[in-house]
Amino acid sequence: MAKPIRNTPIITGKDATAFIQAASTIPSETIRRTERIRLENSVIRFKTMLAKLPK
């Protein structure tokens, strides 16, 4: 039997302010490009590892 879903907690005060600040901050273009390159390189390494596995 499924468990009941609880209500989403409501944050207030300093926690709410910190959350809104963090959610509205957009990383710079350089940071986003660097992260994308890092992820793409990880995918390439992962695919290479998979290709080397015995079949």
PDB file of N, CA and C in Angstrom:
ATOM      1  N   MET A   1       0.842  -1.173   0.000  1.00  0.00           N
ATOM      2  CA  MET A   1       0.000   0.000   0.000  1.00  0.00           C
ATOM      3  C   MET A   1       0.894   1.246   0.000  1.00  0.00           C
ATOM      4  N   ALA A   2       0.501   2.253  -0.739  1.00  0.00           N
ATOM      5  CA  ALA A   2       1.300   3.475  -0.857  1.00  0.00           C
ATOM      6  C   ALA A   2       1.254   4.291   0.431  1.00  0.00           C
ATOM      7  N   LYS A   3       2.356   4.971   0.688  1.00  0.00           N
ATOM      8  CA  LYS A   3       2.410   5.855   1.850  1.00  0.00           C
ATOM      9  C   LYS A   3       1.755   7.185   1.494  1.00  0.00           C
ATOM     10  N   PRO A   4       1.099   7.814   2.445  1.00  0.00           N
ATOM     11  CA  PRO A   4       0.506   9.122   2.150  1.00  0.00           C
ATOM     12  C   PRO A   4       1.590  10.171   1.915  1.00  0.00           C
ATOM     13  N   ILE A   5       1.289  11.109   1.067  1.00  0.00           N
ATOM     14  CA  ILE A   5       2.232  12.182   0.756  1.00  0.00           C
ATOM     15  C   ILE A   5       2.029  13.309   1.764  1.00  0.00           C
ATOM     16  N   ARG A   6       3.125  13.723   2.380  1.00  0.00           N
ATOM     17  CA  ARG A   6       3.052  14.812   3.359  1.00  0.00           C
ATOM     18  C   ARG A   6       3.060  16.161   2.655  1.00  0.00           C
ATOM     19  N   ASN A   7       2.549  17.162   3.327  1.00  0.00           N
ATOM     20  CA  ASN A   7       2.562  18.519   2.784  1.00  0.00           C
ATOM     21  C   ASN A   7       4.001  19.022   2.693  1.00  0.00           C
ATOM     22  N   THR A   8       4.245  19.881   1.715  1.00  0.00           N
ATOM     23  CA  THR A   8       5.554  20.494   1.564  1.00  0.00           C
ATOM     24  C   THR A   8       5.744  21.504   2.692  1.00  0.00           C
ATOM     25  N   PRO A   9       6.879  21.438   3.380  1.00  0.00           N
ATOM     26  CA  PRO A   9       7.093  22.404   4.461  1.00  0.00           C
ATOM     27  C   PRO A   9       7.229  23.828   3.919  1.00  0.00           C
ATOM     28  N   ILE A  10       6.781  24.772   4.700  1.00  0.00           N
ATOM     29  CA  ILE A  10       6.870  26.185   4.319  1.00  0.00           C
ATOM     30  C   ILE A  10       8.032  26.797   5.095  1.00  0.00           C
ATOM     31  N   ILE A  11       8.956  27.417   4.349  1.00  0.00           N
ATOM     32  CA  ILE A  11      10.098  28.045   5.025  1.00  0.00           C
ATOM     33  C   ILE A  11       9.823  29.535   5.190  1.00  0.00           C
ATOM     34  N   THR A  12      10.321  30.087   6.279  1.00  0.00           N
ATOM     35  CA  THR A  12      10.111  31.504   6.564  1.00  0.00           C
ATOM     36  C   THR A  12      11.402  32.112   7.104  1.00  0.00           C
ATOM     37  N   GLY A  13      11.418  33.405   7.208  1.00  0.00           N
ATOM     38  CA  GLY A  13      12.534  34.101   7.834  1.00  0.00           C
ATOM     39  C   GLY A  13      13.823  34.028   7.041  1.00  0.00           C
ATOM     40  N   LYS A  14      14.920  33.822   7.766  1.00  0.00           N
ATOM     41  CA  LYS A  14      16.254  33.800   7.155  1.00  0.00           C
ATOM     42  C   LYS A  14      16.395  32.652   6.161  1.00  0.00           C
ATOM     43  N   ASP A  15      15.782  31.506   6.464  1.00  0.00           N
ATOM     44  CA  ASP A  15      15.851  30.363   5.548  1.00  0.00           C
ATOM     45  C   ASP A  15      15.193  30.711   4.214  1.00  0.00           C
ATOM     46  N   ALA A  16      14.045  31.360   4.256  1.00  0.00           N
ATOM     47  CA  ALA A  16      13.345  31.737   3.027  1.00  0.00           C
ATOM     48  C   ALA A  16      14.161  32.748   2.230  1.00  0.00           C
ATOM     49  N   THR A  17      14.727  33.717   2.915  1.00  0.00           N
ATOM     50  CA  THR A  17      15.544  34.725   2.242  1.00  0.00           C
ATOM     51  C   THR A  17      16.765  34.092   1.580  1.00  0.00           C
ATOM     52  N   ALA A  18      17.425  33.197   2.289  1.00  0.00           N
ATOM     53  CA  ALA A  18      18.603  32.520   1.739  1.00  0.00           C
ATOM     54  C   ALA A  18      18.223  31.662   0.534  1.00  0.00           C
ATOM     55  N   PHE A  19      17.079  30.987   0.606  1.00  0.00           N
ATOM     56  CA  PHE A  19      16.625  30.154  -0.501  1.00  0.00           C
ATOM     57  C   PHE A  19      16.342  31.000  -1.738  1.00  0.00           C
ATOM     58  N   ILE A  20      15.640  32.094  -1.561  1.00  0.00           N
ATOM     59  CA  ILE A  20      15.311  32.969  -2.693  1.00  0.00           C
ATOM     60  C   ILE A  20      16.589  33.535  -3.304  1.00  0.00           C
ATOM     61  N   GLN A  21      17.526  33.935  -2.469  1.00  0.00           N
ATOM     62  CA  GLN A  21      18.797  34.470  -2.968  1.00  0.00           C
ATOM     63  C   GLN A  21      19.552  33.420  -3.779  1.00  0.00           C
ATOM     64  N   ALA A  22      19.624  32.199  -3.260  1.00  0.00           N
ATOM     65  CA  ALA A  22      20.339  31.127  -3.958  1.00  0.00           C
ATOM     66  C   ALA A  22      19.644  30.743  -5.261  1.00  0.00           C
ATOM     67  N   ALA A  23      18.314  30.729  -5.259  1.00  0.00           N
ATOM     68  CA  ALA A  23      17.562  30.338  -6.445  1.00  0.00           C
ATOM     69  C   ALA A  23      17.622  31.403  -7.532  1.00  0.00           C
ATOM     70  N   SER A  24      17.795  32.666  -7.158  1.00  0.00           N
ATOM     71  CA  SER A  24      17.796  33.735  -8.151  1.00  0.00           C
ATOM     72  C   SER A  24      19.187  34.065  -8.672  1.00  0.00           C
ATOM     73  N   THR A  25      20.214  33.464  -8.111  1.00  0.00           N
ATOM     74  CA  THR A  25      21.578  33.720  -8.559  1.00  0.00           C
ATOM     75  C   THR A  25      21.913  32.802  -9.731  1.00  0.00           C
ATOM     76  N   ILE A  26      22.286  33.405 -10.836  1.00  0.00           N
ATOM     77  CA  ILE A  26      22.624  32.641 -12.036  1.00  0.00           C
ATOM     78  C   ILE A  26      24.147  32.610 -12.160  1.00  0.00           C
ATOM     79  N   PRO A  27      24.734  31.401 -12.347  1.00  0.00           N
ATOM     80  CA  PRO A  27      26.192  31.332 -12.509  1.00  0.00           C
ATOM     81  C   PRO A  27      26.635  32.075 -13.775  1.00  0.00           C
ATOM     82  N   SER A  28      27.858  32.530 -13.769  1.00  0.00           N
ATOM     83  CA  SER A  28      28.376  33.266 -14.929  1.00  0.00           C
ATOM     84  C   SER A  28      28.501  32.327 -16.134  1.00  0.00           C
ATOM     85  N   GLU A  29      28.608  32.934 -17.292  1.00  0.00           N
ATOM     86  CA  GLU A  29      28.746  32.172 -18.541  1.00  0.00           C
ATOM     87  C   GLU A  29      29.995  31.293 -18.500  1.00  0.00           C
ATOM     88  N   THR A  30      31.076  31.794 -17.956  1.00  0.00           N
ATOM     89  CA  THR A  30      32.322  31.032 -17.874  1.00  0.00           C
ATOM     90  C   THR A  30      32.143  29.790 -17.005  1.00  0.00           C
ATOM     91  N   ILE A  31      31.500  29.956 -15.876  1.00  0.00           N
ATOM     92  CA  ILE A  31      31.274  28.818 -14.977  1.00  0.00           C
ATOM     93  C   ILE A  31      30.391  27.777 -15.647  1.00  0.00           C
ATOM     94  N   ARG A  32      29.340  28.234 -16.332  1.00  0.00           N
ATOM     95  CA  ARG A  32      28.443  27.283 -17.007  1.00  0.00           C
ATOM     96  C   ARG A  32      29.163  26.533 -18.123  1.00  0.00           C
ATOM     97  N   ARG A  33      29.995  27.242 -18.899  1.00  0.00           N
ATOM     98  CA  ARG A  33      30.734  26.568 -19.976  1.00  0.00           C
ATOM     99  C   ARG A  33      31.738  25.567 -19.420  1.00  0.00           C
ATOM    100  N   THR A  34      32.430  25.959 -18.346  1.00  0.00           N
ATOM    101  CA  THR A  34      33.405  25.071 -17.718  1.00  0.00           C
ATOM    102  C   THR A  34      32.721  23.803 -17.209  1.00  0.00           C
ATOM    103  N   GLU A  35      31.573  23.965 -16.582  1.00  0.00           N
ATOM    104  CA  GLU A  35      30.833  22.810 -16.072  1.00  0.00           C
ATOM    105  C   GLU A  35      30.345  21.922 -17.214  1.00  0.00           C
ATOM    106  N   ARG A  36      29.882  22.522 -18.298  1.00  0.00           N
ATOM    107  CA  ARG A  36      29.414  21.735 -19.442  1.00  0.00           C
ATOM    108  C   ARG A  36      30.558  20.916 -20.046  1.00  0.00           C
ATOM    109  N   ILE A  37      31.733  21.536 -20.189  1.00  0.00           N
ATOM    110  CA  ILE A  37      32.900  20.821 -20.722  1.00  0.00           C
ATOM    111  C   ILE A  37      33.279  19.671 -19.803  1.00  0.00           C
ATOM    112  N   ARG A  38      33.255  19.918 -18.485  1.00  0.00           N
ATOM    113  CA  ARG A  38      33.584  18.873 -17.520  1.00  0.00           C
ATOM    114  C   ARG A  38      32.606  17.699 -17.648  1.00  0.00           C
ATOM    115  N   LEU A  39      31.320  17.998 -17.772  1.00  0.00           N
ATOM    116  CA  LEU A  39      30.322  16.938 -17.909  1.00  0.00           C
ATOM    117  C   LEU A  39      30.484  16.171 -19.223  1.00  0.00           C
ATOM    118  N   GLU A  40      30.739  16.893 -20.310  1.00  0.00           N
ATOM    119  CA  GLU A  40      30.926  16.231 -21.602  1.00  0.00           C
ATOM    120  C   GLU A  40      32.141  15.310 -21.569  1.00  0.00           C
ATOM    121  N   ASN A  41      33.219  15.734 -20.925  1.00  0.00           N
ATOM    122  CA  ASN A  41      34.407  14.890 -20.804  1.00  0.00           C
ATOM    123  C   ASN A  41      34.110  13.650 -19.959  1.00  0.00           C
ATOM    124  N   SER A  42      33.304  13.804 -18.932  1.00  0.00           N
ATOM    125  CA  SER A  42      32.922  12.659 -18.105  1.00  0.00           C
ATOM    126  C   SER A  42      32.122  11.646 -18.916  1.00  0.00           C
ATOM    127  N   VAL A  43      31.231  12.142 -19.761  1.00  0.00           N
ATOM    128  CA  VAL A  43      30.432  11.251 -20.605  1.00  0.00           C
ATOM    129  C   VAL A  43      31.335  10.497 -21.578  1.00  0.00           C
ATOM    130  N   ILE A  44      32.287  11.185 -22.157  1.00  0.00           N
ATOM    131  CA  ILE A  44      33.214  10.540 -23.096  1.00  0.00           C
ATOM    132  C   ILE A  44      34.016   9.454 -22.388  1.00  0.00           C
ATOM    133  N   ARG A  45      34.526   9.754 -21.190  1.00  0.00           N
ATOM    134  CA  ARG A  45      35.288   8.751 -20.427  1.00  0.00           C
ATOM    135  C   ARG A  45      34.404   7.552 -20.069  1.00  0.00           C
ATOM    136  N   PHE A  46      33.159   7.815 -19.691  1.00  0.00           N
ATOM    137  CA  PHE A  46      32.243   6.739 -19.333  1.00  0.00           C
ATOM    138  C   PHE A  46      31.949   5.844 -20.538  1.00  0.00           C
ATOM    139  N   LYS A  47      31.691   6.462 -21.687  1.00  0.00           N
ATOM    140  CA  LYS A  47      31.421   5.677 -22.900  1.00  0.00           C
ATOM    141  C   LYS A  47      32.640   4.848 -23.289  1.00  0.00           C
ATOM    142  N   THR A  48      33.846   5.392 -23.104  1.00  0.00           N
ATOM    143  CA  THR A  48      35.075   4.665 -23.396  1.00  0.00           C
ATOM    144  C   THR A  48      35.201   3.455 -22.482  1.00  0.00           C
ATOM    145  N   MET A  49      34.893   3.648 -21.201  1.00  0.00           N
ATOM    146  CA  MET A  49      34.945   2.532 -20.246  1.00  0.00           C
ATOM    147  C   MET A  49      33.947   1.444 -20.632  1.00  0.00           C
ATOM    148  N   LEU A  50      32.748   1.841 -21.037  1.00  0.00           N
ATOM    149  CA  LEU A  50      31.739   0.860 -21.440  1.00  0.00           C
ATOM    150  C   LEU A  50      32.173   0.090 -22.686  1.00  0.00           C
ATOM    151  N   ALA A  51      32.811   0.779 -23.617  1.00  0.00           N
ATOM    152  CA  ALA A  51      33.256   0.130 -24.850  1.00  0.00           C
ATOM    153  C   ALA A  51      34.327  -0.925 -24.580  1.00  0.00           C
ATOM    154  N   LYS A  52      35.105  -0.742 -23.508  1.00  0.00           N
ATOM    155  CA  LYS A  52      36.181  -1.673 -23.190  1.00  0.00           C
ATOM    156  C   LYS A  52      35.700  -2.905 -22.432  1.00  0.00           C
ATOM    157  N   LEU A  53      34.459  -2.891 -21.953  1.00  0.00           N
ATOM    158  CA  LEU A  53      33.947  -4.055 -21.209  1.00  0.00           C
ATOM    159  C   LEU A  53      33.800  -5.249 -22.143  1.00  0.00           C
ATOM    160  N   PRO A  54      34.091  -6.447 -21.608  1.00  0.00           N
ATOM    161  CA  PRO A  54      33.903  -7.638 -22.438  1.00  0.00           C
ATOM    162  C   PRO A  54      32.416  -7.837 -22.759  1.00  0.00           C
ATOM    163  N   LYS A  55      32.178  -8.360 -23.928  1.00  0.00           N
ATOM    164  CA  LYS A  55      30.774  -8.539 -24.366  1.00  0.00           C
ATOM    165  C   LYS A  55      30.339  -9.958 -24.232  1.00  0.00           C
TER     166      LYS A  55
END
